[in-house]
Amino acid sequence: MTDIAIGPDYDPAKEILTDASGRPITTGYVAQLAEEAEAGYELGQARTLTAADLTAMRTRGRPTPGTGQSRAVSVRMNPELLTELHAAAAACHVPVSTLIREAAAQWLHRHAI
């Protein structure tokens, strides 16, 4: 079996990851899941998804920042700006998207039309 790593940017001292049931995701838990997957699953024993299951799946994920439904927006940046943005996000321990959102909000607040 190979070594299991949760992620290169994950720091268990700062953040606790949990599964959908609220169980903490540890290296041991990931290794257990990997072993189960490598052993294979009997698909005949899998349950059929219901409409309620599908609805629940659509509501999972990241929380919407602010109010209302958020949408992904593509933005082109030159390599230098993107490098600086990634460095700033890493230094602040926040996702790049958070910096972009906050910068846009600050600009709009300063230049309210």
PDB file of N, CA and C in Angstrom:
ATOM      1  N   MET A   1       0.839  -1.191   0.000  1.00  0.00           N
ATOM      2  CA  MET A   1       0.000   0.000   0.000  1.00  0.00           C
ATOM      3  C   MET A   1       0.881   1.251   0.000  1.00  0.00           C
ATOM      4  N   THR A   2       0.410   2.302  -0.637  1.00  0.00           N
ATOM      5  CA  THR A   2       1.172   3.545  -0.730  1.00  0.00           C
ATOM      6  C   THR A   2       0.873   4.437   0.468  1.00  0.00           C
ATOM      7  N   ASP A   3       1.750   5.421   0.688  1.00  0.00           N
ATOM      8  CA  ASP A   3       1.515   6.388   1.746  1.00  0.00           C
ATOM      9  C   ASP A   3       0.300   7.227   1.387  1.00  0.00           C
ATOM     10  N   ILE A   4      -0.492   7.573   2.383  1.00  0.00           N
ATOM     11  CA  ILE A   4      -1.690   8.367   2.175  1.00  0.00           C
ATOM     12  C   ILE A   4      -1.438   9.771   2.698  1.00  0.00           C
ATOM     13  N   ALA A   5      -1.706  10.777   1.880  1.00  0.00           N
ATOM     14  CA  ALA A   5      -1.600  12.171   2.289  1.00  0.00           C
ATOM     15  C   ALA A   5      -2.944  12.829   2.046  1.00  0.00           C
ATOM     16  N   ILE A   6      -3.439  13.556   3.027  1.00  0.00           N
ATOM     17  CA  ILE A   6      -4.736  14.215   2.887  1.00  0.00           C
ATOM     18  C   ILE A   6      -4.631  15.360   1.891  1.00  0.00           C
ATOM     19  N   GLY A   7      -3.568  16.102   1.921  1.00  0.00           N
ATOM     20  CA  GLY A   7      -3.386  17.201   0.971  1.00  0.00           C
ATOM     21  C   GLY A   7      -2.163  18.004   1.350  1.00  0.00           C
ATOM     22  N   PRO A   8      -1.479  18.578   0.367  1.00  0.00           N
ATOM     23  CA  PRO A   8      -0.250  19.307   0.669  1.00  0.00           C
ATOM     24  C   PRO A   8      -0.483  20.601   1.440  1.00  0.00           C
ATOM     25  N   ASP A   9      -1.669  21.178   1.322  1.00  0.00           N
ATOM     26  CA  ASP A   9      -1.935  22.448   1.993  1.00  0.00           C
ATOM     27  C   ASP A   9      -2.791  22.285   3.247  1.00  0.00           C
ATOM     28  N   TYR A  10      -2.978  21.056   3.699  1.00  0.00           N
ATOM     29  CA  TYR A  10      -3.806  20.806   4.879  1.00  0.00           C
ATOM     30  C   TYR A  10      -2.948  20.809   6.135  1.00  0.00           C
ATOM     31  N   ASP A  11      -3.326  21.614   7.114  1.00  0.00           N
ATOM     32  CA  ASP A  11      -2.625  21.676   8.388  1.00  0.00           C
ATOM     33  C   ASP A  11      -3.604  21.265   9.483  1.00  0.00           C
ATOM     34  N   PRO A  12      -3.469  20.029  10.023  1.00  0.00           N
ATOM     35  CA  PRO A  12      -4.431  19.561  11.026  1.00  0.00           C
ATOM     36  C   PRO A  12      -4.431  20.390  12.300  1.00  0.00           C
ATOM     37  N   ALA A  13      -3.393  21.186  12.547  1.00  0.00           N
ATOM     38  CA  ALA A  13      -3.372  22.041  13.726  1.00  0.00           C
ATOM     39  C   ALA A  13      -4.300  23.252  13.555  1.00  0.00           C
ATOM     40  N   LYS A  14      -4.616  23.596  12.301  1.00  0.00           N
ATOM     41  CA  LYS A  14      -5.452  24.772  12.036  1.00  0.00           C
ATOM     42  C   LYS A  14      -6.875  24.431  11.607  1.00  0.00           C
ATOM     43  N   GLU A  15      -7.087  23.230  11.104  1.00  0.00           N
ATOM     44  CA  GLU A  15      -8.385  22.889  10.524  1.00  0.00           C
ATOM     45  C   GLU A  15      -8.684  21.403  10.744  1.00  0.00           C
ATOM     46  N   ILE A  16      -9.921  21.096  11.090  1.00  0.00           N
ATOM     47  CA  ILE A  16     -10.344  19.708  11.232  1.00  0.00           C
ATOM     48  C   ILE A  16     -11.324  19.410  10.107  1.00  0.00           C
ATOM     49  N   LEU A  17     -10.968  18.454   9.260  1.00  0.00           N
ATOM     50  CA  LEU A  17     -11.833  18.040   8.160  1.00  0.00           C
ATOM     51  C   LEU A  17     -12.753  16.933   8.661  1.00  0.00           C
ATOM     52  N   THR A  18     -14.010  16.941   8.216  1.00  0.00           N
ATOM     53  CA  THR A  18     -14.951  15.891   8.585  1.00  0.00           C
ATOM     54  C   THR A  18     -15.647  15.369   7.337  1.00  0.00           C
ATOM     55  N   ASP A  19     -16.148  14.126   7.446  1.00  0.00           N
ATOM     56  CA  ASP A  19     -16.924  13.578   6.333  1.00  0.00           C
ATOM     57  C   ASP A  19     -18.374  14.018   6.484  1.00  0.00           C
ATOM     58  N   ALA A  20     -19.252  13.533   5.621  1.00  0.00           N
ATOM     59  CA  ALA A  20     -20.651  13.952   5.629  1.00  0.00           C
ATOM     60  C   ALA A  20     -21.355  13.582   6.933  1.00  0.00           C
ATOM     61  N   SER A  21     -20.826  12.584   7.645  1.00  0.00           N
ATOM     62  CA  SER A  21     -21.416  12.166   8.919  1.00  0.00           C
ATOM     63  C   SER A  21     -20.820  12.911  10.103  1.00  0.00           C
ATOM     64  N   GLY A  22     -19.851  13.773   9.857  1.00  0.00           N
ATOM     65  CA  GLY A  22     -19.225  14.521  10.932  1.00  0.00           C
ATOM     66  C   GLY A  22     -18.016  13.823  11.532  1.00  0.00           C
ATOM     67  N   ARG A  23     -17.625  12.673  10.978  1.00  0.00           N
ATOM     68  CA  ARG A  23     -16.470  11.935  11.476  1.00  0.00           C
ATOM     69  C   ARG A  23     -15.193  12.644  11.012  1.00  0.00           C
ATOM     70  N   PRO A  24     -14.243  12.886  11.938  1.00  0.00           N
ATOM     71  CA  PRO A  24     -12.997  13.553  11.536  1.00  0.00           C
ATOM     72  C   PRO A  24     -12.239  12.738  10.494  1.00  0.00           C
ATOM     73  N   ILE A  25     -11.739  13.415   9.484  1.00  0.00           N
ATOM     74  CA  ILE A  25     -10.960  12.757   8.440  1.00  0.00           C
ATOM     75  C   ILE A  25      -9.497  12.844   8.844  1.00  0.00           C
ATOM     76  N   THR A  26      -8.966  11.706   9.245  1.00  0.00           N
ATOM     77  CA  THR A  26      -7.569  11.611   9.645  1.00  0.00           C
ATOM     78  C   THR A  26      -6.813  10.803   8.596  1.00  0.00           C
ATOM     79  N   THR A  27      -5.497  10.766   8.717  1.00  0.00           N
ATOM     80  CA  THR A  27      -4.700   9.956   7.801  1.00  0.00           C
ATOM     81  C   THR A  27      -5.110   8.491   7.911  1.00  0.00           C
ATOM     82  N   GLY A  28      -5.380   8.032   9.129  1.00  0.00           N
ATOM     83  CA  GLY A  28      -5.828   6.647   9.332  1.00  0.00           C
ATOM     84  C   GLY A  28      -7.159   6.367   8.661  1.00  0.00           C
ATOM     85  N   TYR A  29      -8.082   7.319   8.752  1.00  0.00           N
ATOM     86  CA  TYR A  29      -9.403   7.161   8.140  1.00  0.00           C
ATOM     87  C   TYR A  29      -9.268   7.109   6.618  1.00  0.00           C
ATOM     88  N   VAL A  30      -8.414   7.975   6.065  1.00  0.00           N
ATOM     89  CA  VAL A  30      -8.185   7.983   4.618  1.00  0.00           C
ATOM     90  C   VAL A  30      -7.570   6.652   4.187  1.00  0.00           C
ATOM     91  N   ALA A  31      -6.623   6.146   4.971  1.00  0.00           N
ATOM     92  CA  ALA A  31      -5.996   4.857   4.655  1.00  0.00           C
ATOM     93  C   ALA A  31      -7.025   3.732   4.676  1.00  0.00           C
ATOM     94  N   GLN A  32      -7.939   3.765   5.651  1.00  0.00           N
ATOM     95  CA  GLN A  32      -9.008   2.757   5.744  1.00  0.00           C
ATOM     96  C   GLN A  32      -9.907   2.817   4.511  1.00  0.00           C
ATOM     97  N   LEU A  33     -10.288   4.012   4.102  1.00  0.00           N
ATOM     98  CA  LEU A  33     -11.137   4.167   2.925  1.00  0.00           C
ATOM     99  C   LEU A  33     -10.416   3.693   1.661  1.00  0.00           C
ATOM    100  N   ALA A  34      -9.119   3.988   1.576  1.00  0.00           N
ATOM    101  CA  ALA A  34      -8.334   3.565   0.413  1.00  0.00           C
ATOM    102  C   ALA A  34      -8.259   2.038   0.344  1.00  0.00           C
ATOM    103  N   GLU A  35      -8.067   1.402   1.490  1.00  0.00           N
ATOM    104  CA  GLU A  35      -8.017  -0.070   1.517  1.00  0.00           C
ATOM    105  C   GLU A  35      -9.352  -0.667   1.071  1.00  0.00           C
ATOM    106  N   GLU A  36     -10.464  -0.075   1.544  1.00  0.00           N
ATOM    107  CA  GLU A  36     -11.792  -0.550   1.140  1.00  0.00           C
ATOM    108  C   GLU A  36     -11.966  -0.407  -0.371  1.00  0.00           C
ATOM    109  N   ALA A  37     -11.536   0.736  -0.904  1.00  0.00           N
ATOM    110  CA  ALA A  37     -11.684   0.975  -2.339  1.00  0.00           C
ATOM    111  C   ALA A  37     -10.814   0.018  -3.150  1.00  0.00           C
ATOM    112  N   GLU A  38      -9.590  -0.218  -2.678  1.00  0.00           N
ATOM    113  CA  GLU A  38      -8.694  -1.129  -3.386  1.00  0.00           C
ATOM    114  C   GLU A  38      -9.232  -2.554  -3.376  1.00  0.00           C
ATOM    115  N   ALA A  39      -9.922  -2.925  -2.295  1.00  0.00           N
ATOM    116  CA  ALA A  39     -10.500  -4.269  -2.207  1.00  0.00           C
ATOM    117  C   ALA A  39     -11.695  -4.406  -3.146  1.00  0.00           C
ATOM    118  N   GLY A  40     -12.324  -3.291  -3.469  1.00  0.00           N
ATOM    119  CA  GLY A  40     -13.477  -3.313  -4.377  1.00  0.00           C
ATOM    120  C   GLY A  40     -14.791  -3.363  -3.613  1.00  0.00           C
ATOM    121  N   TYR A  41     -15.843  -2.958  -4.285  1.00  0.00           N
ATOM    122  CA  TYR A  41     -17.171  -2.926  -3.690  1.00  0.00           C
ATOM    123  C   TYR A  41     -18.098  -3.818  -4.502  1.00  0.00           C
ATOM    124  N   GLU A  42     -19.026  -4.430  -3.829  1.00  0.00           N
ATOM    125  CA  GLU A  42     -20.034  -5.255  -4.489  1.00  0.00           C
ATOM    126  C   GLU A  42     -21.175  -4.324  -4.898  1.00  0.00           C
ATOM    127  N   LEU A  43     -21.247  -4.022  -6.192  1.00  0.00           N
ATOM    128  CA  LEU A  43     -22.241  -3.053  -6.656  1.00  0.00           C
ATOM    129  C   LEU A  43     -23.665  -3.546  -6.490  1.00  0.00           C
ATOM    130  N   GLY A  44     -23.850  -4.849  -6.417  1.00  0.00           N
ATOM    131  CA  GLY A  44     -25.196  -5.386  -6.203  1.00  0.00           C
ATOM    132  C   GLY A  44     -25.765  -5.000  -4.853  1.00  0.00           C
ATOM    133  N   GLN A  45     -24.893  -4.633  -3.922  1.00  0.00           N
ATOM    134  CA  GLN A  45     -25.342  -4.255  -2.581  1.00  0.00           C
ATOM    135  C   GLN A  45     -25.524  -2.743  -2.441  1.00  0.00           C
ATOM    136  N   ALA A  46     -25.192  -1.994  -3.484  1.00  0.00           N
ATOM    137  CA  ALA A  46     -25.338  -0.543  -3.421  1.00  0.00           C
ATOM    138  C   ALA A  46     -26.816  -0.168  -3.443  1.00  0.00           C
ATOM    139  N   ARG A  47     -27.152   0.848  -2.691  1.00  0.00           N
ATOM    140  CA  ARG A  47     -28.561   1.266  -2.673  1.00  0.00           C
ATOM    141  C   ARG A  47     -28.835   2.221  -3.825  1.00  0.00           C
ATOM    142  N   THR A  48     -30.061   2.268  -4.251  1.00  0.00           N
ATOM    143  CA  THR A  48     -30.484   3.162  -5.324  1.00  0.00           C
ATOM    144  C   THR A  48     -30.727   4.546  -4.746  1.00  0.00           C
ATOM    145  N   LEU A  49     -30.224   5.569  -5.430  1.00  0.00           N
ATOM    146  CA  LEU A  49     -30.430   6.940  -4.970  1.00  0.00           C
ATOM    147  C   LEU A  49     -31.868   7.362  -5.205  1.00  0.00           C
ATOM    148  N   THR A  50     -32.404   8.081  -4.235  1.00  0.00           N
ATOM    149  CA  THR A  50     -33.770   8.603  -4.343  1.00  0.00           C
ATOM    150  C   THR A  50     -33.713  10.073  -4.779  1.00  0.00           C
ATOM    151  N   ALA A  51     -34.870  10.647  -5.079  1.00  0.00           N
ATOM    152  CA  ALA A  51     -34.932  12.065  -5.441  1.00  0.00           C
ATOM    153  C   ALA A  51     -34.437  12.917  -4.271  1.00  0.00           C
ATOM    154  N   ALA A  52     -34.737  12.501  -3.039  1.00  0.00           N
ATOM    155  CA  ALA A  52     -34.280  13.245  -1.855  1.00  0.00           C
ATOM    156  C   ALA A  52     -32.757  13.208  -1.758  1.00  0.00           C
ATOM    157  N   ASP A  53     -32.148  12.061  -2.105  1.00  0.00           N
ATOM    158  CA  ASP A  53     -30.685  11.955  -2.092  1.00  0.00           C
ATOM    159  C   ASP A  53     -30.077  12.949  -3.075  1.00  0.00           C
ATOM    160  N   LEU A  54     -30.642  13.016  -4.278  1.00  0.00           N
ATOM    161  CA  LEU A  54     -30.116  13.912  -5.303  1.00  0.00           C
ATOM    162  C   LEU A  54     -30.267  15.375  -4.897  1.00  0.00           C
ATOM    163  N   THR A  55     -31.388  15.702  -4.259  1.00  0.00           N
ATOM    164  CA  THR A  55     -31.598  17.070  -3.780  1.00  0.00           C
ATOM    165  C   THR A  55     -30.570  17.409  -2.719  1.00  0.00           C
ATOM    166  N   ALA A  56     -30.306  16.477  -1.796  1.00  0.00           N
ATOM    167  CA  ALA A  56     -29.320  16.709  -0.748  1.00  0.00           C
ATOM    168  C   ALA A  56     -27.933  16.909  -1.337  1.00  0.00           C
ATOM    169  N   MET A  57     -27.606  16.182  -2.386  1.00  0.00           N
ATOM    170  CA  MET A  57     -26.293  16.319  -3.022  1.00  0.00           C
ATOM    171  C   MET A  57     -26.114  17.707  -3.617  1.00  0.00           C
ATOM    172  N   ARG A  58     -27.181  18.272  -4.133  1.00  0.00           N
ATOM    173  CA  ARG A  58     -27.080  19.599  -4.751  1.00  0.00           C
ATOM    174  C   ARG A  58     -26.885  20.686  -3.709  1.00  0.00           C
ATOM    175  N   THR A  59     -27.253  20.423  -2.457  1.00  0.00           N
ATOM    176  CA  THR A  59     -27.135  21.451  -1.430  1.00  0.00           C
ATOM    177  C   THR A  59     -25.823  21.353  -0.666  1.00  0.00           C
ATOM    178  N   ARG A  60     -25.032  20.308  -0.919  1.00  0.00           N
ATOM    179  CA  ARG A  60     -23.748  20.178  -0.241  1.00  0.00           C
ATOM    180  C   ARG A  60     -22.713  21.029  -0.934  1.00  0.00           C
ATOM    181  N   GLY A  61     -21.616  21.245  -0.256  1.00  0.00           N
ATOM    182  CA  GLY A  61     -20.518  21.986  -0.853  1.00  0.00           C
ATOM    183  C   GLY A  61     -20.168  23.204  -0.033  1.00  0.00           C
ATOM    184  N   ARG A  62     -19.480  24.111  -0.650  1.00  0.00           N
ATOM    185  CA  ARG A  62     -19.044  25.310   0.050  1.00  0.00           C
ATOM    186  C   ARG A  62     -20.231  26.199   0.360  1.00  0.00           C
ATOM    187  N   PRO A  63     -20.190  26.851   1.512  1.00  0.00           N
ATOM    188  CA  PRO A  63     -21.271  27.793   1.812  1.00  0.00           C
ATOM    189  C   PRO A  63     -21.188  29.003   0.884  1.00  0.00           C
ATOM    190  N   THR A  64     -22.325  29.557   0.580  1.00  0.00           N
ATOM    191  CA  THR A  64     -22.384  30.730  -0.276  1.00  0.00           C
ATOM    192  C   THR A  64     -21.924  31.944   0.509  1.00  0.00           C
ATOM    193  N   PRO A  65     -20.876  32.658   0.055  1.00  0.00           N
ATOM    194  CA  PRO A  65     -20.456  33.859   0.766  1.00  0.00           C
ATOM    195  C   PRO A  65     -21.484  34.965   0.581  1.00  0.00           C
ATOM    196  N   GLY A  66     -21.800  35.663   1.634  1.00  0.00           N
ATOM    197  CA  GLY A  66     -22.774  36.743   1.535  1.00  0.00           C
ATOM    198  C   GLY A  66     -24.186  36.186   1.426  1.00  0.00           C
ATOM    199  N   THR A  67     -25.034  36.906   0.740  1.00  0.00           N
ATOM    200  CA  THR A  67     -26.412  36.476   0.589  1.00  0.00           C
ATOM    201  C   THR A  67     -26.680  36.092  -0.855  1.00  0.00           C
ATOM    202  N   GLY A  68     -27.646  35.240  -1.054  1.00  0.00           N
ATOM    203  CA  GLY A  68     -28.023  34.833  -2.398  1.00  0.00           C
ATOM    204  C   GLY A  68     -27.103  33.772  -2.964  1.00  0.00           C
ATOM    205  N   GLN A  69     -27.432  33.300  -4.131  1.00  0.00           N
ATOM    206  CA  GLN A  69     -26.667  32.249  -4.799  1.00  0.00           C
ATOM    207  C   GLN A  69     -25.427  32.843  -5.450  1.00  0.00           C
ATOM    208  N   SER A  70     -24.273  32.240  -5.199  1.00  0.00           N
ATOM    209  CA  SER A  70     -23.050  32.747  -5.815  1.00  0.00           C
ATOM    210  C   SER A  70     -22.817  32.048  -7.146  1.00  0.00           C
ATOM    211  N   ARG A  71     -22.055  32.693  -8.019  1.00  0.00           N
ATOM    212  CA  ARG A  71     -21.716  32.127  -9.326  1.00  0.00           C
ATOM    213  C   ARG A  71     -20.221  32.221  -9.520  1.00  0.00           C
ATOM    214  N   ALA A  72     -19.671  31.248 -10.197  1.00  0.00           N
ATOM    215  CA  ALA A  72     -18.260  31.267 -10.536  1.00  0.00           C
ATOM    216  C   ALA A  72     -18.040  32.237 -11.687  1.00  0.00           C
ATOM    217  N   VAL A  73     -16.950  32.994 -11.621  1.00  0.00           N
ATOM    218  CA  VAL A  73     -16.618  33.973 -12.652  1.00  0.00           C
ATOM    219  C   VAL A  73     -15.175  33.742 -13.077  1.00  0.00           C
ATOM    220  N   SER A  74     -14.925  33.674 -14.372  1.00  0.00           N
ATOM    221  CA  SER A  74     -13.571  33.510 -14.884  1.00  0.00           C
ATOM    222  C   SER A  74     -12.928  34.876 -15.074  1.00  0.00           C
ATOM    223  N   VAL A  75     -11.670  34.985 -14.688  1.00  0.00           N
ATOM    224  CA  VAL A  75     -10.930  36.234 -14.827  1.00  0.00           C
ATOM    225  C   VAL A  75      -9.558  35.907 -15.396  1.00  0.00           C
ATOM    226  N   ARG A  76      -9.134  36.652 -16.415  1.00  0.00           N
ATOM    227  CA  ARG A  76      -7.798  36.456 -16.969  1.00  0.00           C
ATOM    228  C   ARG A  76      -6.825  37.368 -16.231  1.00  0.00           C
ATOM    229  N   MET A  77      -5.643  36.816 -15.900  1.00  0.00           N
ATOM    230  CA  MET A  77      -4.595  37.592 -15.234  1.00  0.00           C
ATOM    231  C   MET A  77      -3.261  37.246 -15.859  1.00  0.00           C
ATOM    232  N   ASN A  78      -2.370  38.245 -15.888  1.00  0.00           N
ATOM    233  CA  ASN A  78      -1.036  37.948 -16.390  1.00  0.00           C
ATOM    234  C   ASN A  78      -0.310  37.091 -15.344  1.00  0.00           C
ATOM    235  N   PRO A  79       0.715  36.360 -15.757  1.00  0.00           N
ATOM    236  CA  PRO A  79       1.394  35.435 -14.844  1.00  0.00           C
ATOM    237  C   PRO A  79       1.975  36.100 -13.597  1.00  0.00           C
ATOM    238  N   GLU A  80       2.481  37.323 -13.739  1.00  0.00           N
ATOM    239  CA  GLU A  80       3.079  38.017 -12.598  1.00  0.00           C
ATOM    240  C   GLU A  80       2.030  38.334 -11.536  1.00  0.00           C
ATOM    241  N   LEU A  81       0.881  38.869 -11.976  1.00  0.00           N
ATOM    242  CA  LEU A  81      -0.183  39.195 -11.038  1.00  0.00           C
ATOM    243  C   LEU A  81      -0.712  37.931 -10.367  1.00  0.00           C
ATOM    244  N   LEU A  82      -0.870  36.884 -11.135  1.00  0.00           N
ATOM    245  CA  LEU A  82      -1.361  35.631 -10.582  1.00  0.00           C
ATOM    246  C   LEU A  82      -0.384  35.059  -9.550  1.00  0.00           C
ATOM    247  N   THR A  83       0.904  35.160  -9.827  1.00  0.00           N
ATOM    248  CA  THR A  83       1.916  34.694  -8.879  1.00  0.00           C
ATOM    249  C   THR A  83       1.837  35.491  -7.575  1.00  0.00           C
ATOM    250  N   GLU A  84       1.718  36.805  -7.687  1.00  0.00           N
ATOM    251  CA  GLU A  84       1.597  37.659  -6.501  1.00  0.00           C
ATOM    252  C   GLU A  84       0.321  37.332  -5.726  1.00  0.00           C
ATOM    253  N   LEU A  85      -0.758  37.093  -6.438  1.00  0.00           N
ATOM    254  CA  LEU A  85      -2.030  36.763  -5.800  1.00  0.00           C
ATOM    255  C   LEU A  85      -1.927  35.462  -5.012  1.00  0.00           C
ATOM    256  N   HIS A  86      -1.324  34.445  -5.618  1.00  0.00           N
ATOM    257  CA  HIS A  86      -1.147  33.170  -4.924  1.00  0.00           C
ATOM    258  C   HIS A  86      -0.258  33.323  -3.697  1.00  0.00           C
ATOM    259  N   ALA A  87       0.796  34.115  -3.810  1.00  0.00           N
ATOM    260  CA  ALA A  87       1.696  34.342  -2.678  1.00  0.00           C
ATOM    261  C   ALA A  87       0.969  35.059  -1.543  1.00  0.00           C
ATOM    262  N   ALA A  88       0.169  36.070  -1.890  1.00  0.00           N
ATOM    263  CA  ALA A  88      -0.581  36.806  -0.870  1.00  0.00           C
ATOM    264  C   ALA A  88      -1.604  35.903  -0.186  1.00  0.00           C
ATOM    265  N   ALA A  89      -2.276  35.070  -0.969  1.00  0.00           N
ATOM    266  CA  ALA A  89      -3.269  34.155  -0.398  1.00  0.00           C
ATOM    267  C   ALA A  89      -2.596  33.167   0.548  1.00  0.00           C
ATOM    268  N   ALA A  90      -1.443  32.648   0.150  1.00  0.00           N
ATOM    269  CA  ALA A  90      -0.715  31.706   1.006  1.00  0.00           C
ATOM    270  C   ALA A  90      -0.261  32.392   2.287  1.00  0.00           C
ATOM    271  N   ALA A  91       0.223  33.625   2.181  1.00  0.00           N
ATOM    272  CA  ALA A  91       0.688  34.362   3.354  1.00  0.00           C
ATOM    273  C   ALA A  91      -0.452  34.653   4.331  1.00  0.00           C
ATOM    274  N   CYS A  92      -1.647  34.870   3.787  1.00  0.00           N
ATOM    275  CA  CYS A  92      -2.818  35.167   4.621  1.00  0.00           C
ATOM    276  C   CYS A  92      -3.600  33.910   5.012  1.00  0.00           C
ATOM    277  N   HIS A  93      -3.176  32.758   4.494  1.00  0.00           N
ATOM    278  CA  HIS A  93      -3.852  31.482   4.772  1.00  0.00           C
ATOM    279  C   HIS A  93      -5.321  31.515   4.364  1.00  0.00           C
ATOM    280  N   VAL A  94      -5.584  32.075   3.190  1.00  0.00           N
ATOM    281  CA  VAL A  94      -6.945  32.126   2.650  1.00  0.00           C
ATOM    282  C   VAL A  94      -6.903  31.675   1.188  1.00  0.00           C
ATOM    283  N   PRO A  95      -8.033  31.215   0.648  1.00  0.00           N
ATOM    284  CA  PRO A  95      -8.072  30.859  -0.776  1.00  0.00           C
ATOM    285  C   PRO A  95      -7.925  32.102  -1.656  1.00  0.00           C
ATOM    286  N   VAL A  96      -7.406  31.899  -2.842  1.00  0.00           N
ATOM    287  CA  VAL A  96      -7.260  32.991  -3.812  1.00  0.00           C
ATOM    288  C   VAL A  96      -8.619  33.639  -4.079  1.00  0.00           C
ATOM    289  N   SER A  97      -9.665  32.829  -4.166  1.00  0.00           N
ATOM    290  CA  SER A  97     -11.001  33.374  -4.446  1.00  0.00           C
ATOM    291  C   SER A  97     -11.436  34.367  -3.376  1.00  0.00           C
ATOM    292  N   THR A  98     -11.033  34.136  -2.129  1.00  0.00           N
ATOM    293  CA  THR A  98     -11.379  35.070  -1.049  1.00  0.00           C
ATOM    294  C   THR A  98     -10.715  36.419  -1.288  1.00  0.00           C
ATOM    295  N   LEU A  99      -9.439  36.405  -1.672  1.00  0.00           N
ATOM    296  CA  LEU A  99      -8.758  37.672  -1.948  1.00  0.00           C
ATOM    297  C   LEU A  99      -9.413  38.416  -3.101  1.00  0.00           C
ATOM    298  N   ILE A 100      -9.761  37.699  -4.146  1.00  0.00           N
ATOM    299  CA  ILE A 100     -10.396  38.338  -5.307  1.00  0.00           C
ATOM    300  C   ILE A 100     -11.744  38.935  -4.908  1.00  0.00           C
ATOM    301  N   ARG A 101     -12.550  38.170  -4.155  1.00  0.00           N
ATOM    302  CA  ARG A 101     -13.861  38.659  -3.705  1.00  0.00           C
ATOM    303  C   ARG A 101     -13.711  39.908  -2.850  1.00  0.00           C
ATOM    304  N   GLU A 102     -12.764  39.861  -1.882  1.00  0.00           N
ATOM    305  CA  GLU A 102     -12.573  41.003  -0.987  1.00  0.00           C
ATOM    306  C   GLU A 102     -12.057  42.224  -1.742  1.00  0.00           C
ATOM    307  N   ALA A 103     -11.150  42.022  -2.701  1.00  0.00           N
ATOM    308  CA  ALA A 103     -10.633  43.140  -3.489  1.00  0.00           C
ATOM    309  C   ALA A 103     -11.755  43.776  -4.311  1.00  0.00           C
ATOM    310  N   ALA A 104     -12.598  42.965  -4.912  1.00  0.00           N
ATOM    311  CA  ALA A 104     -13.716  43.497  -5.705  1.00  0.00           C
ATOM    312  C   ALA A 104     -14.672  44.282  -4.812  1.00  0.00           C
ATOM    313  N   ALA A 105     -14.973  43.753  -3.636  1.00  0.00           N
ATOM    314  CA  ALA A 105     -15.892  44.427  -2.711  1.00  0.00           C
ATOM    315  C   ALA A 105     -15.304  45.762  -2.248  1.00  0.00           C
ATOM    316  N   GLN A 106     -14.006  45.784  -1.935  1.00  0.00           N
ATOM    317  CA  GLN A 106     -13.366  47.033  -1.510  1.00  0.00           C
ATOM    318  C   GLN A 106     -13.364  48.068  -2.631  1.00  0.00           C
ATOM    319  N   TRP A 107     -13.066  47.639  -3.850  1.00  0.00           N
ATOM    320  CA  TRP A 107     -13.059  48.553  -4.971  1.00  0.00           C
ATOM    321  C   TRP A 107     -14.440  49.161  -5.179  1.00  0.00           C
ATOM    322  N   LEU A 108     -15.459  48.310  -5.157  1.00  0.00           N
ATOM    323  CA  LEU A 108     -16.827  48.795  -5.336  1.00  0.00           C
ATOM    324  C   LEU A 108     -17.241  49.749  -4.220  1.00  0.00           C
ATOM    325  N   HIS A 109     -16.809  49.476  -3.002  1.00  0.00           N
ATOM    326  CA  HIS A 109     -17.143  50.339  -1.869  1.00  0.00           C
ATOM    327  C   HIS A 109     -16.473  51.721  -2.029  1.00  0.00           C
ATOM    328  N   ARG A 110     -15.208  51.725  -2.457  1.00  0.00           N
ATOM    329  CA  ARG A 110     -14.478  52.993  -2.637  1.00  0.00           C
ATOM    330  C   ARG A 110     -14.989  53.785  -3.825  1.00  0.00           C
ATOM    331  N   HIS A 111     -15.443  53.086  -4.859  1.00  0.00           N
ATOM    332  CA  HIS A 111     -15.854  53.759  -6.085  1.00  0.00           C
ATOM    333  C   HIS A 111     -17.364  53.670  -6.295  1.00  0.00           C
ATOM    334  N   ALA A 112     -18.100  53.693  -5.216  1.00  0.00           N
ATOM    335  CA  ALA A 112     -19.562  53.585  -5.304  1.00  0.00           C
ATOM    336  C   ALA A 112     -20.103  54.640  -6.255  1.00  0.00           C
ATOM    337  N   ILE A 113     -20.882  54.155  -7.205  1.00  0.00           N
ATOM    338  CA  ILE A 113     -21.430  55.068  -8.216  1.00  0.00           C
ATOM    339  C   ILE A 113     -22.905  55.269  -7.957  1.00  0.00           C
TER     340      ILE A 113
END
